[in-house]
Amino acid sequence: MDEGEREALILLAYLLVQHGRLEKAETLLAALAEVFPRDGQVPRLLADCLLKRKKYQEALEVAAGLCGSGLEPAERRMAELFRAQALWGLISEGGDFKAELDASLEAYLKLTEETGRTDS
């Protein structure tokens, strides 16, 4: 698969997520993650898709992988936001993740200060 095909499939996955076709998006993103394990866009889209499907544990695993993958500060900031959203979802389902959520939000705020960004 060439670069253009990869980009087209990632764009398709993005559009599927944006238009609520979450099951199809998740399937496509899981396949893309297998074919392109080092592509940073795929896990970010997958985490977003999983959050929207309320698959918080899976989203947390994807986000945790992003947080520990040596990203630039702005990308780590986004990963921490996904991680915090997944933890919040798990808490809303009765999980005991308050300490982890606090740590994730603290990391997010610190990265926001470092990058000088307030948008998500």
N, C-alpha and C. Protein backbone atom coordinates (compact mmCIF):
# COMPACT_ATOMS: atom_id res chain seq x y z
N MET A 1 0.85 -1.16 0.00
CA MET A 1 0.00 0.00 0.00
C MET A 1 0.90 1.23 0.00
N ASP A 2 0.58 2.18 -0.87
CA ASP A 2 1.41 3.37 -0.94
C ASP A 2 0.89 4.46 0.00
N GLU A 3 1.63 5.56 0.08
CA GLU A 3 1.31 6.65 1.00
C GLU A 3 -0.06 7.26 0.72
N GLY A 4 -0.40 7.42 -0.54
CA GLY A 4 -1.70 8.00 -0.90
C GLY A 4 -2.85 7.12 -0.45
N GLU A 5 -2.70 5.82 -0.61
CA GLU A 5 -3.75 4.89 -0.17
C GLU A 5 -3.88 4.92 1.36
N ARG A 6 -2.74 4.97 2.05
CA ARG A 6 -2.76 5.05 3.52
C ARG A 6 -3.51 6.30 3.96
N GLU A 7 -3.16 7.43 3.37
CA GLU A 7 -3.82 8.70 3.73
C GLU A 7 -5.31 8.67 3.42
N ALA A 8 -5.69 8.06 2.29
CA ALA A 8 -7.11 7.96 1.93
C ALA A 8 -7.88 7.12 2.95
N LEU A 9 -7.29 6.03 3.40
CA LEU A 9 -7.95 5.18 4.39
C LEU A 9 -8.08 5.87 5.74
N ILE A 10 -7.05 6.62 6.13
CA ILE A 10 -7.12 7.37 7.38
C ILE A 10 -8.20 8.46 7.27
N LEU A 11 -8.27 9.13 6.13
CA LEU A 11 -9.32 10.13 5.91
C LEU A 11 -10.70 9.47 5.97
N LEU A 12 -10.84 8.31 5.35
CA LEU A 12 -12.12 7.59 5.41
C LEU A 12 -12.49 7.26 6.85
N ALA A 13 -11.52 6.78 7.63
CA ALA A 13 -11.78 6.47 9.03
C ALA A 13 -12.21 7.71 9.79
N TYR A 14 -11.54 8.82 9.54
CA TYR A 14 -11.90 10.10 10.19
C TYR A 14 -13.34 10.48 9.86
N LEU A 15 -13.69 10.39 8.58
CA LEU A 15 -15.04 10.74 8.17
C LEU A 15 -16.08 9.81 8.77
N LEU A 16 -15.75 8.53 8.86
CA LEU A 16 -16.66 7.58 9.50
C LEU A 16 -16.90 7.95 10.96
N VAL A 17 -15.83 8.32 11.68
CA VAL A 17 -15.97 8.72 13.08
C VAL A 17 -16.83 9.98 13.17
N GLN A 18 -16.54 10.96 12.33
CA GLN A 18 -17.26 12.24 12.38
C GLN A 18 -18.74 12.09 12.04
N HIS A 19 -19.08 11.08 11.25
CA HIS A 19 -20.47 10.90 10.83
C HIS A 19 -21.17 9.76 11.58
N GLY A 20 -20.57 9.36 12.68
CA GLY A 20 -21.23 8.41 13.56
C GLY A 20 -21.24 6.97 13.10
N ARG A 21 -20.45 6.64 12.13
CA ARG A 21 -20.35 5.25 11.66
C ARG A 21 -19.21 4.58 12.44
N LEU A 22 -19.41 4.51 13.73
CA LEU A 22 -18.34 4.17 14.67
C LEU A 22 -17.89 2.71 14.57
N GLU A 23 -18.81 1.80 14.36
CA GLU A 23 -18.42 0.39 14.26
C GLU A 23 -17.52 0.17 13.04
N LYS A 24 -17.91 0.75 11.92
CA LYS A 24 -17.09 0.62 10.70
C LYS A 24 -15.75 1.31 10.90
N ALA A 25 -15.77 2.49 11.54
CA ALA A 25 -14.53 3.21 11.78
C ALA A 25 -13.59 2.40 12.67
N GLU A 26 -14.14 1.80 13.71
CA GLU A 26 -13.31 1.01 14.62
C GLU A 26 -12.67 -0.17 13.89
N THR A 27 -13.44 -0.84 13.05
CA THR A 27 -12.91 -1.97 12.29
C THR A 27 -11.77 -1.52 11.37
N LEU A 28 -12.00 -0.42 10.65
CA LEU A 28 -10.98 0.09 9.74
C LEU A 28 -9.73 0.53 10.51
N LEU A 29 -9.93 1.24 11.62
CA LEU A 29 -8.79 1.73 12.40
C LEU A 29 -8.00 0.59 13.03
N ALA A 30 -8.69 -0.45 13.48
CA ALA A 30 -7.97 -1.61 14.03
C ALA A 30 -7.11 -2.26 12.96
N ALA A 31 -7.63 -2.36 11.74
CA ALA A 31 -6.85 -2.92 10.64
C ALA A 31 -5.66 -2.02 10.29
N LEU A 32 -5.91 -0.72 10.24
CA LEU A 32 -4.82 0.22 9.95
C LEU A 32 -3.73 0.17 11.02
N ALA A 33 -4.14 -0.01 12.27
CA ALA A 33 -3.16 -0.10 13.35
C ALA A 33 -2.26 -1.32 13.17
N GLU A 34 -2.81 -2.39 12.63
CA GLU A 34 -2.00 -3.59 12.37
C GLU A 34 -1.04 -3.36 11.20
N VAL A 35 -1.52 -2.71 10.17
CA VAL A 35 -0.71 -2.51 8.96
C VAL A 35 0.32 -1.40 9.16
N PHE A 36 -0.05 -0.37 9.91
CA PHE A 36 0.82 0.79 10.14
C PHE A 36 1.00 1.02 11.64
N PRO A 37 1.73 0.16 12.32
CA PRO A 37 1.83 0.26 13.78
C PRO A 37 2.52 1.53 14.27
N ARG A 38 3.26 2.21 13.42
CA ARG A 38 3.99 3.40 13.86
C ARG A 38 3.31 4.70 13.44
N ASP A 39 2.16 4.60 12.83
CA ASP A 39 1.43 5.80 12.40
C ASP A 39 0.74 6.42 13.61
N GLY A 40 1.05 7.68 13.91
CA GLY A 40 0.50 8.34 15.08
C GLY A 40 -0.95 8.75 14.94
N GLN A 41 -1.43 8.96 13.72
CA GLN A 41 -2.82 9.37 13.52
C GLN A 41 -3.79 8.26 13.87
N VAL A 42 -3.44 7.05 13.55
CA VAL A 42 -4.36 5.92 13.71
C VAL A 42 -4.77 5.72 15.17
N PRO A 43 -3.83 5.63 16.13
CA PRO A 43 -4.27 5.44 17.51
C PRO A 43 -5.06 6.62 18.07
N ARG A 44 -4.76 7.83 17.62
CA ARG A 44 -5.54 8.99 18.09
C ARG A 44 -6.99 8.88 17.61
N LEU A 45 -7.16 8.53 16.35
CA LEU A 45 -8.51 8.35 15.83
C LEU A 45 -9.21 7.17 16.49
N LEU A 46 -8.46 6.10 16.73
CA LEU A 46 -9.03 4.93 17.36
C LEU A 46 -9.48 5.25 18.79
N ALA A 47 -8.67 5.99 19.54
CA ALA A 47 -9.05 6.38 20.90
C ALA A 47 -10.33 7.21 20.87
N ASP A 48 -10.41 8.17 19.96
CA ASP A 48 -11.60 9.00 19.83
C ASP A 48 -12.83 8.14 19.50
N CYS A 49 -12.67 7.23 18.57
CA CYS A 49 -13.77 6.34 18.18
C CYS A 49 -14.23 5.48 19.36
N LEU A 50 -13.28 4.91 20.07
CA LEU A 50 -13.63 4.05 21.21
C LEU A 50 -14.33 4.84 22.31
N LEU A 51 -13.90 6.07 22.54
CA LEU A 51 -14.58 6.92 23.53
C LEU A 51 -16.02 7.17 23.11
N LYS A 52 -16.22 7.45 21.85
CA LYS A 52 -17.58 7.71 21.36
C LYS A 52 -18.45 6.47 21.42
N ARG A 53 -17.83 5.29 21.34
CA ARG A 53 -18.58 4.03 21.45
C ARG A 53 -18.73 3.60 22.91
N LYS A 54 -18.21 4.40 23.82
CA LYS A 54 -18.25 4.12 25.27
C LYS A 54 -17.51 2.84 25.63
N LYS A 55 -16.45 2.57 24.88
CA LYS A 55 -15.56 1.45 25.17
C LYS A 55 -14.36 2.04 25.92
N TYR A 56 -14.63 2.43 27.16
CA TYR A 56 -13.66 3.21 27.92
C TYR A 56 -12.39 2.44 28.25
N GLN A 57 -12.49 1.18 28.59
CA GLN A 57 -11.29 0.41 28.93
C GLN A 57 -10.37 0.28 27.72
N GLU A 58 -10.95 0.00 26.56
CA GLU A 58 -10.14 -0.10 25.34
C GLU A 58 -9.53 1.25 24.97
N ALA A 59 -10.32 2.31 25.12
CA ALA A 59 -9.81 3.65 24.84
C ALA A 59 -8.67 4.01 25.78
N LEU A 60 -8.81 3.61 27.03
CA LEU A 60 -7.75 3.86 28.01
C LEU A 60 -6.45 3.16 27.60
N GLU A 61 -6.56 1.93 27.14
CA GLU A 61 -5.37 1.19 26.72
C GLU A 61 -4.69 1.85 25.53
N VAL A 62 -5.48 2.31 24.56
CA VAL A 62 -4.91 3.01 23.40
C VAL A 62 -4.27 4.32 23.84
N ALA A 63 -4.98 5.09 24.68
CA ALA A 63 -4.45 6.38 25.15
C ALA A 63 -3.20 6.19 25.99
N ALA A 64 -3.18 5.16 26.83
CA ALA A 64 -1.98 4.91 27.64
C ALA A 64 -0.79 4.58 26.75
N GLY A 65 -1.03 3.84 25.69
CA GLY A 65 0.04 3.55 24.73
C GLY A 65 0.56 4.81 24.08
N LEU A 66 -0.34 5.73 23.78
CA LEU A 66 0.08 7.01 23.20
C LEU A 66 0.89 7.83 24.21
N CYS A 67 0.45 7.85 25.46
CA CYS A 67 1.12 8.65 26.49
C CYS A 67 2.56 8.20 26.69
N GLY A 68 2.81 6.92 26.52
CA GLY A 68 4.14 6.40 26.75
C GLY A 68 4.98 6.22 25.51
N SER A 69 4.58 6.84 24.40
CA SER A 69 5.27 6.55 23.15
C SER A 69 6.24 7.62 22.68
N GLY A 70 6.65 8.53 23.56
CA GLY A 70 7.66 9.52 23.20
C GLY A 70 7.17 10.57 22.22
N LEU A 71 5.94 11.00 22.36
CA LEU A 71 5.38 12.01 21.48
C LEU A 71 5.89 13.40 21.83
N GLU A 72 5.69 14.31 20.91
CA GLU A 72 5.95 15.72 21.18
C GLU A 72 4.96 16.20 22.24
N PRO A 73 5.29 17.28 22.98
CA PRO A 73 4.40 17.74 24.05
C PRO A 73 2.95 17.98 23.62
N ALA A 74 2.73 18.59 22.46
CA ALA A 74 1.35 18.85 22.02
C ALA A 74 0.60 17.55 21.77
N GLU A 75 1.28 16.55 21.24
CA GLU A 75 0.63 15.26 20.99
C GLU A 75 0.40 14.51 22.30
N ARG A 76 1.34 14.61 23.23
CA ARG A 76 1.16 13.99 24.56
C ARG A 76 -0.03 14.63 25.27
N ARG A 77 -0.19 15.93 25.08
CA ARG A 77 -1.31 16.65 25.67
C ARG A 77 -2.63 16.06 25.18
N MET A 78 -2.73 15.81 23.89
CA MET A 78 -3.94 15.21 23.33
C MET A 78 -4.14 13.80 23.88
N ALA A 79 -3.05 13.04 24.00
CA ALA A 79 -3.14 11.68 24.53
C ALA A 79 -3.62 11.69 25.98
N GLU A 80 -3.13 12.65 26.77
CA GLU A 80 -3.58 12.76 28.16
C GLU A 80 -5.06 13.13 28.24
N LEU A 81 -5.52 13.95 27.30
CA LEU A 81 -6.94 14.28 27.27
C LEU A 81 -7.77 13.03 26.97
N PHE A 82 -7.35 12.23 26.00
CA PHE A 82 -8.06 10.97 25.72
C PHE A 82 -8.04 10.06 26.94
N ARG A 83 -6.87 10.01 27.60
CA ARG A 83 -6.74 9.16 28.79
C ARG A 83 -7.70 9.63 29.89
N ALA A 84 -7.77 10.93 30.10
CA ALA A 84 -8.67 11.48 31.13
C ALA A 84 -10.13 11.19 30.78
N GLN A 85 -10.48 11.32 29.51
CA GLN A 85 -11.86 11.04 29.10
C GLN A 85 -12.21 9.57 29.33
N ALA A 86 -11.28 8.68 29.03
CA ALA A 86 -11.52 7.25 29.25
C ALA A 86 -11.66 6.96 30.74
N LEU A 87 -10.81 7.55 31.56
CA LEU A 87 -10.90 7.35 33.00
C LEU A 87 -12.22 7.90 33.54
N TRP A 88 -12.64 9.05 33.05
CA TRP A 88 -13.92 9.62 33.47
C TRP A 88 -15.06 8.67 33.11
N GLY A 89 -15.00 8.10 31.92
CA GLY A 89 -16.02 7.14 31.52
C GLY A 89 -16.04 5.92 32.43
N LEU A 90 -14.88 5.43 32.78
CA LEU A 90 -14.80 4.28 33.69
C LEU A 90 -15.33 4.64 35.08
N ILE A 91 -15.05 5.85 35.54
CA ILE A 91 -15.59 6.30 36.82
C ILE A 91 -17.11 6.37 36.75
N SER A 92 -17.64 6.87 35.63
CA SER A 92 -19.09 6.99 35.49
C SER A 92 -19.77 5.62 35.48
N GLU A 93 -19.00 4.58 35.15
CA GLU A 93 -19.53 3.22 35.17
C GLU A 93 -19.27 2.53 36.52
N GLY A 94 -18.78 3.29 37.49
CA GLY A 94 -18.58 2.75 38.83
C GLY A 94 -17.16 2.35 39.16
N GLY A 95 -16.22 2.62 38.28
CA GLY A 95 -14.83 2.28 38.54
C GLY A 95 -14.18 3.23 39.52
N ASP A 96 -13.11 2.78 40.13
CA ASP A 96 -12.38 3.58 41.12
C ASP A 96 -11.06 4.05 40.50
N PHE A 97 -11.14 5.13 39.73
CA PHE A 97 -9.97 5.62 39.00
C PHE A 97 -9.70 7.09 39.29
N LYS A 98 -10.20 7.60 40.42
CA LYS A 98 -10.06 9.03 40.70
C LYS A 98 -8.61 9.48 40.76
N ALA A 99 -7.76 8.71 41.42
CA ALA A 99 -6.34 9.10 41.51
C ALA A 99 -5.69 9.16 40.13
N GLU A 100 -6.01 8.17 39.28
CA GLU A 100 -5.46 8.15 37.93
C GLU A 100 -5.99 9.32 37.11
N LEU A 101 -7.29 9.64 37.30
CA LEU A 101 -7.87 10.77 36.59
C LEU A 101 -7.21 12.07 37.02
N ASP A 102 -7.01 12.24 38.32
CA ASP A 102 -6.35 13.45 38.82
C ASP A 102 -4.95 13.59 38.23
N ALA A 103 -4.20 12.49 38.18
CA ALA A 103 -2.85 12.52 37.62
C ALA A 103 -2.88 12.85 36.13
N SER A 104 -3.84 12.29 35.42
CA SER A 104 -3.95 12.55 33.99
C SER A 104 -4.31 14.01 33.72
N LEU A 105 -5.24 14.54 34.49
CA LEU A 105 -5.62 15.94 34.31
C LEU A 105 -4.47 16.87 34.68
N GLU A 106 -3.72 16.52 35.71
CA GLU A 106 -2.55 17.32 36.08
C GLU A 106 -1.52 17.32 34.95
N ALA A 107 -1.29 16.15 34.37
CA ALA A 107 -0.34 16.06 33.25
C ALA A 107 -0.85 16.87 32.06
N TYR A 108 -2.15 16.79 31.79
CA TYR A 108 -2.74 17.55 30.69
C TYR A 108 -2.54 19.06 30.91
N LEU A 109 -2.82 19.53 32.13
CA LEU A 109 -2.67 20.95 32.41
C LEU A 109 -1.22 21.40 32.33
N LYS A 110 -0.32 20.57 32.80
CA LYS A 110 1.11 20.90 32.70
C LYS A 110 1.54 21.01 31.24
N LEU A 111 1.10 20.05 30.42
CA LEU A 111 1.43 20.08 29.00
C LEU A 111 0.79 21.27 28.30
N THR A 112 -0.39 21.67 28.76
CA THR A 112 -1.05 22.85 28.20
C THR A 112 -0.23 24.09 28.48
N GLU A 113 0.31 24.19 29.69
CA GLU A 113 1.17 25.33 30.04
C GLU A 113 2.44 25.32 29.20
N GLU A 114 3.03 24.12 29.03
CA GLU A 114 4.28 24.01 28.27
C GLU A 114 4.09 24.37 26.81
N THR A 115 2.97 23.96 26.24
CA THR A 115 2.76 24.20 24.83
C THR A 115 2.08 25.52 24.55
N GLY A 116 1.54 26.16 25.61
CA GLY A 116 0.87 27.45 25.44
C GLY A 116 -0.44 27.35 24.70
N ARG A 117 -1.05 26.15 24.72
CA ARG A 117 -2.31 25.94 23.99
C ARG A 117 -3.43 25.68 24.97
N THR A 118 -4.60 26.16 24.60
CA THR A 118 -5.79 25.91 25.42
C THR A 118 -6.88 25.21 24.63
N ASP A 119 -6.71 25.06 23.32
CA ASP A 119 -7.72 24.34 22.53
C ASP A 119 -7.46 22.86 22.59
N SER A 120 -8.43 22.05 22.19
CA SER A 120 -8.28 20.59 22.24
C SER A 120 -8.23 19.99 20.88
